Amino acid sequence: MPKYSVIVPVYNRIDEVDDLLRSLSRQSMTDFETIIVEDGSTEPCQQTVDHYKDKLDVKYFYKENEGRSIARNYGIERSSGQYLIFFDSDCVIPADYFEKLDKSLSARKLDCFGGPDAAHSSFTPVQKAISFAMTSFLTTGGIRGGKVQLEKFVPRSFNMGYSREVYNRVGGFREMFSEDIDMSTRIRQAGFSIGLIRDAEVYHKRRVDFRKFWRQVHVFGMSRITLKLLYPDSLKIVHTLPALAVIIGILLLALGIFVSPWWLLPLGVYIVAIFLAALASTRSLQIAALAVPASIIQIVGYGTGFIRAYFTKIILGRGRDINQEIAMRKGK
């Protein structure tokens, strides 16, 4: 019986699965199984998975498309490890990941845990810029849980794990946006310990262009209101900062256009700060330049999603039956 079970939901990601499995086949510690759950893909990756069967303890399952959370739960039911580890298919795992994870858990027992993400040297400049935007304290890196945190650490499903005891008591993921935050909240409410393992880092490709990135962060902003409906005390002032930034940014733009250009100075200072921080972090002028629009998209996309969902679900009262909606999606 392996100590760790790696569970990965997949939907039309053949190339990503190849990169992920290649990285898992190079681990310095091999006490883990890998379970790939194909969630109704029209381009199945079974042939790619089969290529690694002599290099990895890997199992492949195909099921009809129902969503990534249900796919994860499907994989959990077919796993045997003491700990359940969740990666996204667009992750690349450093060769010493499980060695560092095991060492950390031996030194400090955690029921649920997660690690940070970073950009690999092979990623495109846009992917590296998006990675900076998603992890920088100048955007929402502090909210999401980076080196400096503005709230309790919440593991994210691209690099998350918990014990089988947690699963037996709390259950699996629910099919919803921000399902990892929902899962972490239920785990914390059940009295289990949750912690960040800084050494357990993964390389996360994220979105490959700004248009897809906008859609992703806009949904993140909307899902924060869904979480508030599920857990009324979960919404903190810090979660409203991107929405406030959008409102303040619009106000400064209007004042700069119609009153005085000096009102644009705060926006200019912020843009310069992003550029310099990205330059210091990546040591690339190209990535630093791309980090500016990536960071703006990250904040504005999240902020407008938050405002949109707040207006429709809180002010207009739509979506208040969220618990019933989730229960109907089989992710109970």
Protein backbone atom coordinates (compact mmCIF):
# COMPACT_ATOMS: atom_id res chain seq x y z
CA MET A 1 0.00 0.00 0.00
CA PRO A 2 1.55 3.34 -1.02
CA LYS A 3 1.85 6.16 1.47
CA TYR A 4 0.59 8.77 -0.99
CA SER A 5 -2.08 8.67 -3.69
CA VAL A 6 -1.77 11.35 -6.38
CA ILE A 7 -5.14 12.14 -7.98
CA VAL A 8 -5.38 14.22 -11.16
CA PRO A 9 -8.60 15.09 -13.03
CA VAL A 10 -8.03 15.55 -16.76
CA TYR A 11 -10.06 17.08 -19.57
CA ASN A 12 -8.43 17.24 -23.04
CA ARG A 13 -4.90 17.88 -21.73
CA ILE A 14 -2.71 15.23 -23.41
CA ASP A 15 0.48 17.34 -23.58
CA GLU A 16 0.08 18.55 -20.01
CA VAL A 17 -0.42 15.00 -18.73
CA ASP A 18 2.77 13.95 -20.49
CA ASP A 19 4.76 16.72 -18.77
CA LEU A 20 3.18 15.92 -15.39
CA LEU A 21 3.82 12.17 -15.59
CA ARG A 22 7.37 12.72 -16.81
CA SER A 23 8.07 14.84 -13.73
CA LEU A 24 6.44 12.26 -11.43
CA SER A 25 8.54 9.49 -12.98
CA ARG A 26 11.67 11.33 -11.85
CA GLN A 27 10.83 11.60 -8.15
CA SER A 28 13.59 10.80 -5.67
CA MET A 29 10.97 9.19 -3.39
CA THR A 30 8.63 6.70 -5.06
CA ASP A 31 6.22 5.64 -2.30
CA PHE A 32 3.17 6.92 -4.18
CA GLU A 33 0.59 5.86 -6.75
CA THR A 34 -0.80 8.12 -9.48
CA ILE A 35 -4.44 8.03 -10.51
CA ILE A 36 -5.46 9.81 -13.70
CA VAL A 37 -9.21 10.37 -14.06
CA GLU A 38 -10.26 11.28 -17.59
CA ASP A 39 -13.41 13.36 -17.18
CA GLY A 40 -15.14 12.62 -20.50
CA SER A 41 -12.37 14.04 -22.69
CA THR A 42 -12.88 14.02 -26.44
CA GLU A 43 -9.10 13.58 -26.75
CA PRO A 44 -8.26 10.85 -24.22
CA CYS A 45 -4.76 10.59 -22.78
CA GLN A 46 -4.74 6.83 -22.08
CA GLN A 47 -1.98 6.17 -24.61
CA THR A 48 0.17 8.80 -22.92
CA VAL A 49 -0.52 7.27 -19.50
CA ASP A 50 0.29 3.77 -20.77
CA HIS A 51 3.70 5.05 -21.86
CA TYR A 52 4.61 5.60 -18.19
CA LYS A 53 3.29 2.34 -16.72
CA ASP A 54 6.77 0.82 -16.59
CA LYS A 55 8.12 3.97 -14.90
CA LEU A 56 5.30 4.77 -12.47
CA ASP A 57 2.62 3.10 -10.39
CA VAL A 58 -0.06 4.79 -12.48
CA LYS A 59 -3.72 3.90 -13.03
CA TYR A 60 -6.04 5.34 -15.68
CA PHE A 61 -9.82 5.68 -15.47
CA TYR A 62 -12.25 7.12 -18.00
CA LYS A 63 -15.68 8.42 -16.94
CA GLU A 64 -18.39 10.63 -18.40
CA ASN A 65 -17.93 14.37 -18.05
CA GLU A 66 -19.34 15.63 -14.74
CA GLY A 67 -16.75 18.14 -13.53
CA ARG A 68 -13.32 18.16 -11.94
CA SER A 69 -14.53 17.77 -8.34
CA ILE A 70 -16.57 14.67 -9.11
CA ALA A 71 -13.57 13.33 -11.06
CA ARG A 72 -11.36 13.86 -8.00
CA ASN A 73 -13.85 12.03 -5.80
CA TYR A 74 -13.95 9.21 -8.36
CA GLY A 75 -10.17 8.93 -8.07
CA ILE A 76 -10.26 9.02 -4.26
CA GLU A 77 -12.65 6.05 -4.21
CA ARG A 78 -10.12 4.05 -6.23
CA SER A 79 -7.04 5.07 -4.26
CA SER A 80 -5.28 3.28 -1.41
CA GLY A 81 -2.74 5.75 0.03
CA GLN A 82 -2.61 7.09 3.58
CA TYR A 83 -2.56 10.62 2.17
CA LEU A 84 -4.43 11.98 -0.84
CA ILE A 85 -2.47 14.45 -3.00
CA PHE A 86 -4.15 16.60 -5.63
CA PHE A 87 -2.38 18.21 -8.59
CA ASP A 88 -3.84 19.94 -11.62
CA SER A 89 -2.90 18.47 -14.99
CA ASP A 90 -1.00 21.66 -15.88
CA CYS A 91 1.54 21.17 -13.08
CA VAL A 92 5.13 19.99 -13.25
CA ILE A 93 6.45 18.45 -10.03
CA PRO A 94 10.06 19.02 -8.87
CA ALA A 95 12.02 15.78 -8.49
CA ASP A 96 12.37 16.15 -4.71
CA TYR A 97 8.71 17.06 -4.03
CA PHE A 98 7.70 13.88 -2.19
CA GLU A 99 11.01 13.69 -0.38
CA LYS A 100 10.48 17.19 1.01
CA LEU A 101 6.79 16.60 1.71
CA ASP A 102 7.50 13.39 3.63
CA LYS A 103 10.26 15.01 5.64
CA SER A 104 8.03 17.94 6.56
CA LEU A 105 5.09 15.73 7.59
CA SER A 106 7.43 13.62 9.72
CA ALA A 107 8.61 16.74 11.53
CA ARG A 108 5.14 18.34 11.84
CA LYS A 109 1.97 16.32 11.52
CA LEU A 110 -0.70 18.02 9.46
CA ASP A 111 -4.11 16.66 8.56
CA CYS A 112 -4.40 18.91 5.51
CA PHE A 113 -1.65 20.78 3.72
CA GLY A 114 -0.69 22.63 0.58
CA GLY A 115 2.34 24.13 -1.06
CA PRO A 116 3.19 27.17 -3.19
CA ASP A 117 3.54 27.36 -6.94
CA ALA A 118 6.08 28.94 -9.22
CA ALA A 119 6.96 29.33 -12.90
CA HIS A 120 9.34 26.82 -14.44
CA SER A 121 12.15 28.05 -16.69
CA SER A 122 10.51 26.31 -19.66
CA PHE A 123 7.26 28.28 -19.36
CA THR A 124 6.40 30.96 -21.91
CA PRO A 125 6.88 34.64 -20.99
CA VAL A 126 3.10 35.07 -20.73
CA GLN A 127 2.83 32.09 -18.37
CA LYS A 128 5.63 33.50 -16.23
CA ALA A 129 3.96 36.92 -16.16
CA ILE A 130 0.65 35.34 -15.12
CA SER A 131 2.46 33.32 -12.46
CA PHE A 132 3.89 36.56 -11.06
CA ALA A 133 0.46 38.19 -11.07
CA MET A 134 -1.07 35.25 -9.20
CA THR A 135 1.61 35.10 -6.51
CA SER A 136 2.74 38.69 -6.00
CA PHE A 137 1.81 40.59 -2.85
CA LEU A 138 1.14 43.60 -5.11
CA THR A 139 -1.88 41.80 -6.53
CA THR A 140 -3.77 39.19 -4.49
CA GLY A 141 -0.84 36.96 -3.59
CA GLY A 142 -1.33 37.85 0.07
CA ILE A 143 -5.00 36.97 -0.09
CA ARG A 144 -4.34 33.64 -1.79
CA GLY A 145 -1.57 32.66 0.61
CA GLY A 146 1.96 33.46 -0.38
CA LYS A 147 5.05 34.30 1.63
CA VAL A 148 3.11 37.05 3.34
CA GLN A 149 -0.47 36.13 4.16
CA LEU A 150 -3.44 38.35 4.87
CA GLU A 151 -5.63 35.45 6.03
CA LYS A 152 -5.34 31.85 7.22
CA PHE A 153 -3.61 29.63 4.69
CA VAL A 154 -6.03 27.84 2.35
CA PRO A 155 -4.59 24.97 0.27
CA ARG A 156 -5.43 25.13 -3.44
CA SER A 157 -6.28 22.08 -5.49
CA PHE A 158 -3.29 22.46 -7.84
CA ASN A 159 -1.07 21.45 -4.88
CA MET A 160 -3.09 20.12 -1.97
CA GLY A 161 -3.27 17.05 0.22
CA TYR A 162 -5.02 15.59 3.23
CA SER A 163 -5.13 12.35 5.18
CA ARG A 164 -7.56 9.55 4.52
CA GLU A 165 -8.98 10.18 7.99
CA VAL A 166 -10.00 13.65 6.78
CA TYR A 167 -11.75 12.15 3.76
CA ASN A 168 -13.53 9.53 5.86
CA ARG A 169 -14.97 12.19 8.13
CA VAL A 170 -15.41 15.23 5.85
CA GLY A 171 -15.99 13.61 2.47
CA GLY A 172 -14.80 14.71 -0.95
CA PHE A 173 -14.95 17.84 -3.07
CA ARG A 174 -18.22 19.49 -4.04
CA GLU A 175 -18.75 20.41 -7.69
CA MET A 176 -18.58 24.20 -7.55
CA PHE A 177 -16.18 27.03 -8.27
CA SER A 178 -13.51 27.48 -5.56
CA GLU A 179 -14.15 23.93 -4.46
CA ASP A 180 -10.74 23.86 -2.79
CA ILE A 181 -11.65 26.77 -0.49
CA ASP A 182 -14.93 25.06 0.33
CA MET A 183 -13.07 21.82 1.07
CA SER A 184 -10.51 23.56 3.28
CA THR A 185 -13.28 25.34 5.18
CA ARG A 186 -15.08 22.09 5.90
CA ILE A 187 -11.82 20.48 7.01
CA ARG A 188 -11.05 23.37 9.36
CA GLN A 189 -14.58 23.34 10.76
CA ALA A 190 -14.20 19.62 11.49
CA GLY A 191 -11.27 20.44 13.77
CA PHE A 192 -8.41 19.18 11.58
CA SER A 193 -5.07 20.97 11.30
CA ILE A 194 -4.16 22.80 8.08
CA GLY A 195 -0.73 24.16 7.19
CA LEU A 196 1.50 25.46 4.43
CA ILE A 197 4.55 23.36 3.50
CA ARG A 198 6.76 25.92 1.79
CA ASP A 199 9.26 23.38 0.45
CA ALA A 200 6.54 21.37 -1.32
CA GLU A 201 6.49 23.60 -4.39
CA VAL A 202 5.10 22.81 -7.83
CA TYR A 203 5.50 24.51 -11.18
CA HIS A 204 2.08 25.64 -12.34
CA LYS A 205 1.55 26.56 -15.99
CA ARG A 206 -1.78 28.32 -15.43
CA ARG A 207 -3.41 29.96 -18.45
CA VAL A 208 -1.56 30.37 -21.73
CA ASP A 209 -3.07 33.70 -22.79
CA PHE A 210 -4.62 36.79 -21.20
CA ARG A 211 -8.13 36.12 -22.50
CA LYS A 212 -8.34 32.75 -20.72
CA PHE A 213 -6.68 34.27 -17.67
CA TRP A 214 -9.36 36.98 -17.50
CA ARG A 215 -12.15 34.38 -17.55
CA GLN A 216 -10.44 32.39 -14.81
CA VAL A 217 -9.93 35.25 -12.35
CA HIS A 218 -13.39 36.69 -13.07
CA VAL A 219 -14.88 33.38 -11.95
CA PHE A 220 -12.63 33.44 -8.87
CA GLY A 221 -14.14 36.79 -7.91
CA MET A 222 -17.68 35.53 -8.40
CA SER A 223 -17.03 32.38 -6.40
CA ARG A 224 -16.03 34.41 -3.36
CA ILE A 225 -19.67 35.47 -3.05
CA THR A 226 -20.81 31.87 -3.48
CA LEU A 227 -18.57 30.99 -0.55
CA LYS A 228 -20.12 33.78 1.51
CA LEU A 229 -23.56 32.29 0.90
CA LEU A 230 -22.27 28.92 2.07
CA TYR A 231 -20.25 30.31 4.99
CA PRO A 232 -21.59 33.75 6.04
CA ASP A 233 -18.55 34.49 8.23
CA SER A 234 -16.01 33.60 5.53
CA LEU A 235 -16.03 36.96 3.72
CA LYS A 236 -13.35 39.22 5.17
CA ILE A 237 -12.49 42.83 4.41
CA VAL A 238 -9.34 41.65 2.65
CA HIS A 239 -11.45 39.80 0.07
CA THR A 240 -13.07 43.07 -1.00
CA LEU A 241 -9.75 44.77 -1.82
CA PRO A 242 -9.72 43.91 -5.57
CA ALA A 243 -13.29 45.24 -5.92
CA LEU A 244 -12.32 48.40 -4.04
CA ALA A 245 -9.26 48.72 -6.28
CA VAL A 246 -11.51 48.58 -9.36
CA ILE A 247 -13.80 51.29 -7.99
CA ILE A 248 -10.90 53.51 -6.93
CA GLY A 249 -9.15 52.93 -10.27
CA ILE A 250 -12.23 53.99 -12.23
CA LEU A 251 -12.61 57.08 -10.03
CA LEU A 252 -8.95 58.05 -10.53
CA LEU A 253 -9.24 57.58 -14.29
CA ALA A 254 -12.34 59.78 -14.41
CA LEU A 255 -10.69 62.49 -12.28
CA GLY A 256 -7.53 62.26 -14.39
CA ILE A 257 -9.47 62.73 -17.61
CA PHE A 258 -11.96 65.37 -16.52
CA VAL A 259 -10.21 67.23 -13.68
CA SER A 260 -6.42 66.97 -13.67
CA PRO A 261 -3.82 64.48 -14.99
CA TRP A 262 -2.28 64.49 -11.49
CA TRP A 263 -5.04 62.12 -10.39
CA LEU A 264 -3.44 59.48 -12.61
CA LEU A 265 -0.22 59.57 -10.57
CA PRO A 266 -1.24 56.83 -8.06
CA LEU A 267 -2.05 54.51 -10.95
CA GLY A 268 1.29 55.28 -12.57
CA VAL A 269 3.16 54.62 -9.32
CA TYR A 270 1.39 51.29 -8.92
CA ILE A 271 2.21 50.21 -12.48
CA VAL A 272 5.87 51.13 -12.00
CA ALA A 273 5.91 49.18 -8.72
CA ILE A 274 4.56 46.08 -10.48
CA PHE A 275 7.13 46.41 -13.26
CA LEU A 276 10.05 46.81 -10.86
CA ALA A 277 8.89 43.98 -8.60
CA ALA A 278 8.49 41.66 -11.58
CA LEU A 279 11.88 42.71 -12.95
CA ALA A 280 13.54 41.97 -9.62
CA SER A 281 11.76 38.63 -9.39
CA THR A 282 12.21 37.38 -12.96
CA ARG A 283 15.24 39.37 -14.14
CA SER A 284 13.57 39.76 -17.52
CA LEU A 285 12.42 43.02 -19.11
CA GLN A 286 9.98 41.13 -21.34
CA ILE A 287 8.32 39.29 -18.44
CA ALA A 288 8.27 42.44 -16.32
CA ALA A 289 6.50 44.30 -19.13
CA LEU A 290 3.98 41.47 -19.53
CA ALA A 291 3.47 41.35 -15.76
CA VAL A 292 1.85 44.80 -15.87
CA PRO A 293 -1.18 43.81 -18.02
CA ALA A 294 -1.27 40.41 -16.29
CA SER A 295 -1.54 42.07 -12.87
CA ILE A 296 -4.16 44.54 -14.08
CA ILE A 297 -6.20 41.67 -15.53
CA GLN A 298 -5.81 39.74 -12.29
CA ILE A 299 -7.14 42.55 -10.11
CA VAL A 300 -9.80 43.92 -12.47
CA GLY A 301 -11.02 40.47 -13.47
CA TYR A 302 -11.34 39.32 -9.87
CA GLY A 303 -12.76 42.64 -8.70
CA THR A 304 -15.44 42.86 -11.39
CA GLY A 305 -16.40 39.24 -10.82
CA PHE A 306 -16.81 39.99 -7.12
CA ILE A 307 -18.92 43.10 -7.84
CA ARG A 308 -21.06 41.27 -10.41
CA ALA A 309 -21.81 38.35 -8.07
CA TYR A 310 -22.39 40.64 -5.09
CA PHE A 311 -24.98 42.62 -7.06
CA THR A 312 -26.82 39.60 -8.48
CA LYS A 313 -26.61 37.23 -5.51
CA ILE A 314 -26.61 39.56 -2.50
CA ILE A 315 -28.45 42.71 -3.59
CA LEU A 316 -30.90 41.06 -6.01
CA GLY A 317 -31.11 37.90 -3.92
CA ARG A 318 -30.42 35.42 -6.70
CA GLY A 319 -28.46 32.30 -5.86
CA ARG A 320 -29.50 32.05 -2.22
CA ASP A 321 -30.36 28.37 -2.71
CA ILE A 322 -26.67 27.58 -3.20
CA ASN A 323 -26.66 24.58 -0.83
CA GLN A 324 -29.51 22.96 -2.75
CA GLU A 325 -27.77 23.73 -6.05
CA ILE A 326 -24.55 22.06 -4.90
CA ALA A 327 -26.38 19.02 -3.52
CA MET A 328 -27.99 18.48 -6.92
CA ARG A 329 -24.56 18.25 -8.58
CA LYS A 330 -23.67 14.92 -6.91
CA GLY A 331 -20.77 16.48 -5.03
CA LYS A 332 -22.33 16.11 -1.58
